[in-house]
Amino acid sequence: MGAIVVTGGTDGMGAALARHYLAAGDRVVVIGRSRAKFEALVAAAASQSPSAPSRAEFIAAVLSLIEDGRCVVNPLEESHERIDALVLAASFIRHRLHGTPEGHEASWSLFFLSKYLCVTRLADLLRETVDGFPFKRSNAQQRRANELPGILATDQNSDLGYVIWGPARLVRSSFAGEVGTGVKIAARRSGAVAGPTSPQ
């Protein structure tokens, strides 16, 4: 079973994304400092999706500490077959240099070392998601993404018109891209029989 992992998931953008994904029905692992804030965001998500608490997991960590970073990665490696998305949202603003008990500068450790540890150690679990991304699902998402510019344009300017057009019959196409020879031959033959002739 896959999951969406959000570091810094109890505050700000991380918490907002965690609530969004829980409300949308995803399994979410929240990494943060405060269990109380985690429980509050799960309660908020549950108001939209009652099953949210059963799909939410909390891992307490101070990610400016490398040892805490390791303690986060180890259970993720052990208990998850794959990670569908890794959101690196942990942030903490400091105006002065601050050393960690491990001897690192705290901001450097949080903004680079912890992210490096998460990405490199979880790469295999993320790769499982990429390898398991089938054409049908990919194609469906691409088609939805095609609509976004038109939706955005008309939302920003109500005077614009946005028309979605699709032919009622087969059309002749070169099928550019990673399409097998068999599909190209079948499409060419079907198009010759059932497809309309292009206007000259």
Protein backbone atom coordinates (compact mmCIF):
# COMPACT_ATOMS: atom_id res chain seq x y z
CA MET A 1 0.00 0.00 0.00
CA GLY A 2 1.31 3.43 -0.91
CA ALA A 3 1.33 6.62 1.12
CA ILE A 4 1.98 10.33 0.84
CA VAL A 5 4.71 11.42 3.24
CA VAL A 6 4.74 15.05 4.40
CA THR A 7 7.64 16.43 6.44
CA GLY A 8 6.74 19.53 8.40
CA GLY A 9 3.19 18.26 8.12
CA THR A 10 1.79 19.76 11.32
CA ASP A 11 2.11 23.44 10.33
CA GLY A 12 1.65 25.80 7.39
CA MET A 13 1.72 24.43 3.86
CA GLY A 14 2.65 20.94 5.06
CA ALA A 15 -0.43 20.75 7.29
CA ALA A 16 -2.65 22.14 4.52
CA LEU A 17 -1.41 19.47 2.11
CA ALA A 18 -1.82 16.72 4.71
CA ARG A 19 -5.44 17.79 5.33
CA HIS A 20 -6.10 17.96 1.59
CA TYR A 21 -4.77 14.47 0.89
CA LEU A 22 -6.55 12.95 3.88
CA ALA A 23 -9.83 14.55 2.81
CA ALA A 24 -9.23 13.21 -0.71
CA GLY A 25 -8.95 9.64 0.59
CA ASP A 26 -5.19 9.12 0.56
CA ARG A 27 -3.05 7.44 3.18
CA VAL A 28 -0.83 10.13 4.71
CA VAL A 29 2.23 9.98 6.94
CA VAL A 30 2.79 13.27 8.76
CA ILE A 31 6.24 14.02 10.16
CA GLY A 32 6.42 16.86 12.66
CA ARG A 33 7.05 18.01 16.20
CA SER A 34 3.54 18.23 17.65
CA ARG A 35 1.13 15.34 18.03
CA ALA A 36 -1.54 17.78 19.22
CA LYS A 37 -1.33 19.70 15.92
CA PHE A 38 -1.43 16.39 14.03
CA GLU A 39 -4.59 15.33 15.84
CA ALA A 40 -6.19 18.70 15.08
CA LEU A 41 -5.50 18.43 11.34
CA VAL A 42 -6.81 14.85 11.28
CA ALA A 43 -9.99 16.03 13.00
CA ALA A 44 -10.37 18.76 10.38
CA ALA A 45 -9.88 16.24 7.57
CA ALA A 46 -12.38 13.86 9.20
CA SER A 47 -15.11 16.49 8.87
CA GLN A 48 -14.79 16.00 5.10
CA SER A 49 -13.81 12.32 5.07
CA PRO A 50 -14.82 10.25 8.13
CA SER A 51 -12.20 7.59 7.35
CA ALA A 52 -9.31 10.11 7.59
CA PRO A 53 -8.15 9.00 11.09
CA SER A 54 -7.66 5.41 9.88
CA ARG A 55 -5.45 6.63 7.02
CA ALA A 56 -3.31 9.06 9.02
CA GLU A 57 0.01 8.22 10.65
CA PHE A 58 2.22 10.46 12.77
CA ILE A 59 5.97 10.25 13.25
CA ALA A 60 7.41 12.67 15.80
CA ALA A 61 10.73 14.13 14.76
CA VAL A 62 12.96 17.19 14.96
CA LEU A 63 14.41 17.08 11.47
CA SER A 64 17.35 19.34 12.26
CA LEU A 65 18.67 16.26 14.07
CA ILE A 66 20.16 13.61 11.78
CA GLU A 67 19.34 10.86 14.26
CA ASP A 68 15.67 11.87 14.18
CA GLY A 69 15.85 11.79 10.38
CA ARG A 70 17.08 8.21 10.51
CA CYS A 71 14.33 7.34 12.99
CA VAL A 72 11.81 8.66 10.46
CA VAL A 73 13.21 6.82 7.45
CA ASN A 74 13.62 3.41 9.11
CA PRO A 75 9.91 2.77 9.90
CA LEU A 76 8.89 4.10 6.48
CA GLU A 77 11.22 1.59 4.82
CA GLU A 78 9.92 -1.21 7.00
CA SER A 79 6.17 -0.59 6.83
CA HIS A 80 5.50 0.79 3.33
CA GLU A 81 5.68 -0.97 -0.01
CA ARG A 82 5.97 2.34 -1.82
CA ILE A 83 5.70 6.09 -1.33
CA ASP A 84 3.38 7.81 -3.78
CA ALA A 85 4.67 11.31 -3.01
CA LEU A 86 7.28 12.85 -0.73
CA VAL A 87 6.52 16.43 0.32
CA LEU A 88 9.50 18.16 1.97
CA ALA A 89 7.75 21.01 3.76
CA ALA A 90 9.68 21.15 7.05
CA SER A 91 10.78 24.71 7.79
CA PHE A 92 12.00 26.73 10.75
CA ILE A 93 13.21 30.31 10.41
CA ARG A 94 16.22 31.35 12.48
CA HIS A 95 17.80 34.79 12.61
CA ARG A 96 20.95 33.61 14.36
CA LEU A 97 23.34 30.71 14.00
CA HIS A 98 22.24 27.78 16.08
CA GLY A 99 24.18 24.58 16.65
CA THR A 100 22.52 21.20 17.14
CA PRO A 101 23.60 18.72 19.82
CA GLU A 102 25.08 16.68 16.96
CA GLY A 103 27.44 19.53 16.04
CA HIS A 104 25.73 20.80 12.87
CA GLU A 105 24.35 24.24 12.08
CA ALA A 106 20.61 23.82 12.59
CA SER A 107 19.32 25.47 9.41
CA TRP A 108 21.84 23.64 7.23
CA SER A 109 20.85 20.39 8.87
CA LEU A 110 17.10 21.01 8.44
CA PHE A 111 17.06 22.44 4.93
CA PHE A 112 19.71 20.24 3.36
CA LEU A 113 20.89 17.26 5.39
CA SER A 114 17.43 16.05 6.39
CA LYS A 115 16.14 16.37 2.82
CA TYR A 116 19.18 14.61 1.42
CA LEU A 117 18.67 11.76 3.90
CA CYS A 118 14.96 11.40 3.08
CA VAL A 119 15.39 11.51 -0.70
CA THR A 120 18.36 9.14 -0.90
CA ARG A 121 17.08 6.63 1.63
CA LEU A 122 13.52 6.59 0.27
CA ALA A 123 14.47 6.59 -3.42
CA ASP A 124 13.64 2.90 -3.87
CA LEU A 125 10.16 3.32 -2.39
CA LEU A 126 9.56 6.33 -4.64
CA ARG A 127 10.85 4.38 -7.64
CA GLU A 128 8.20 1.73 -7.02
CA THR A 129 5.60 4.42 -7.68
CA VAL A 130 7.22 5.48 -10.95
CA ASP A 131 7.65 1.89 -12.14
CA GLY A 132 4.05 1.13 -11.23
CA PHE A 133 2.60 4.11 -13.13
CA PRO A 134 0.62 2.45 -15.95
CA PHE A 135 -0.12 4.01 -19.32
CA LYS A 136 -3.86 4.17 -18.67
CA ARG A 137 -3.43 6.16 -15.47
CA SER A 138 -0.74 8.37 -16.98
CA ASN A 139 -2.87 9.09 -20.06
CA ALA A 140 -5.89 9.99 -17.92
CA GLN A 141 -3.86 12.45 -15.85
CA GLN A 142 -2.34 14.02 -18.95
CA ARG A 143 -5.80 14.57 -20.42
CA ARG A 144 -6.96 16.28 -17.23
CA ALA A 145 -3.82 18.42 -17.19
CA ASN A 146 -4.55 19.51 -20.78
CA GLU A 147 -7.68 21.27 -19.53
CA LEU A 148 -5.96 23.30 -16.80
CA PRO A 149 -4.60 26.17 -18.97
CA GLY A 150 -8.05 26.77 -20.47
CA ILE A 151 -9.71 26.68 -17.06
CA LEU A 152 -7.11 29.08 -15.67
CA ALA A 153 -7.42 31.48 -18.62
CA THR A 154 -11.21 31.69 -18.45
CA ASP A 155 -11.13 32.02 -14.67
CA GLN A 156 -8.85 35.05 -14.96
CA ASN A 157 -10.73 36.59 -17.91
CA SER A 158 -14.46 35.93 -18.14
CA ASP A 159 -14.58 37.39 -21.67
CA LEU A 160 -12.57 34.46 -23.03
CA GLY A 161 -14.24 31.38 -24.42
CA TYR A 162 -12.87 27.87 -23.94
CA VAL A 163 -14.05 25.11 -26.25
CA ILE A 164 -13.22 21.42 -25.91
CA TRP A 165 -13.49 19.60 -29.23
CA GLY A 166 -13.18 15.95 -30.03
CA PRO A 167 -13.90 14.27 -33.36
CA ALA A 168 -16.82 11.89 -33.53
CA ARG A 169 -14.86 9.42 -35.71
CA LEU A 170 -11.36 8.06 -35.97
CA VAL A 171 -8.68 10.42 -37.24
CA ARG A 172 -5.40 9.72 -38.96
CA SER A 173 -2.47 10.19 -36.61
CA SER A 174 1.25 9.47 -36.62
CA PHE A 175 0.98 8.32 -32.97
CA ALA A 176 4.21 10.10 -32.09
CA GLY A 177 5.81 8.88 -28.91
CA GLU A 178 6.36 5.56 -27.17
CA VAL A 179 3.72 3.58 -29.03
CA GLY A 180 4.31 0.00 -30.11
CA THR A 181 4.45 -1.05 -33.75
CA GLY A 182 1.34 -3.19 -33.37
CA VAL A 183 -0.72 -0.23 -32.14
CA LYS A 184 0.52 1.97 -34.99
CA ILE A 185 -0.34 -0.65 -37.64
CA ALA A 186 -3.79 -1.27 -36.14
CA ALA A 187 -4.51 2.45 -35.94
CA ARG A 188 -3.35 3.03 -39.51
CA ARG A 189 -5.58 0.26 -40.88
CA SER A 190 -8.58 1.32 -38.80
CA GLY A 191 -8.11 4.91 -39.86
CA ALA A 192 -7.96 3.96 -43.54
CA VAL A 193 -11.27 2.12 -43.25
CA ALA A 194 -13.23 4.24 -40.78
CA GLY A 195 -11.40 7.53 -40.55
CA PRO A 196 -12.49 10.62 -42.49
CA THR A 197 -10.34 11.91 -45.32
CA SER A 198 -8.44 15.10 -44.48
CA PRO A 199 -9.59 18.13 -46.51
CA GLN A 200 -7.17 19.12 -49.27
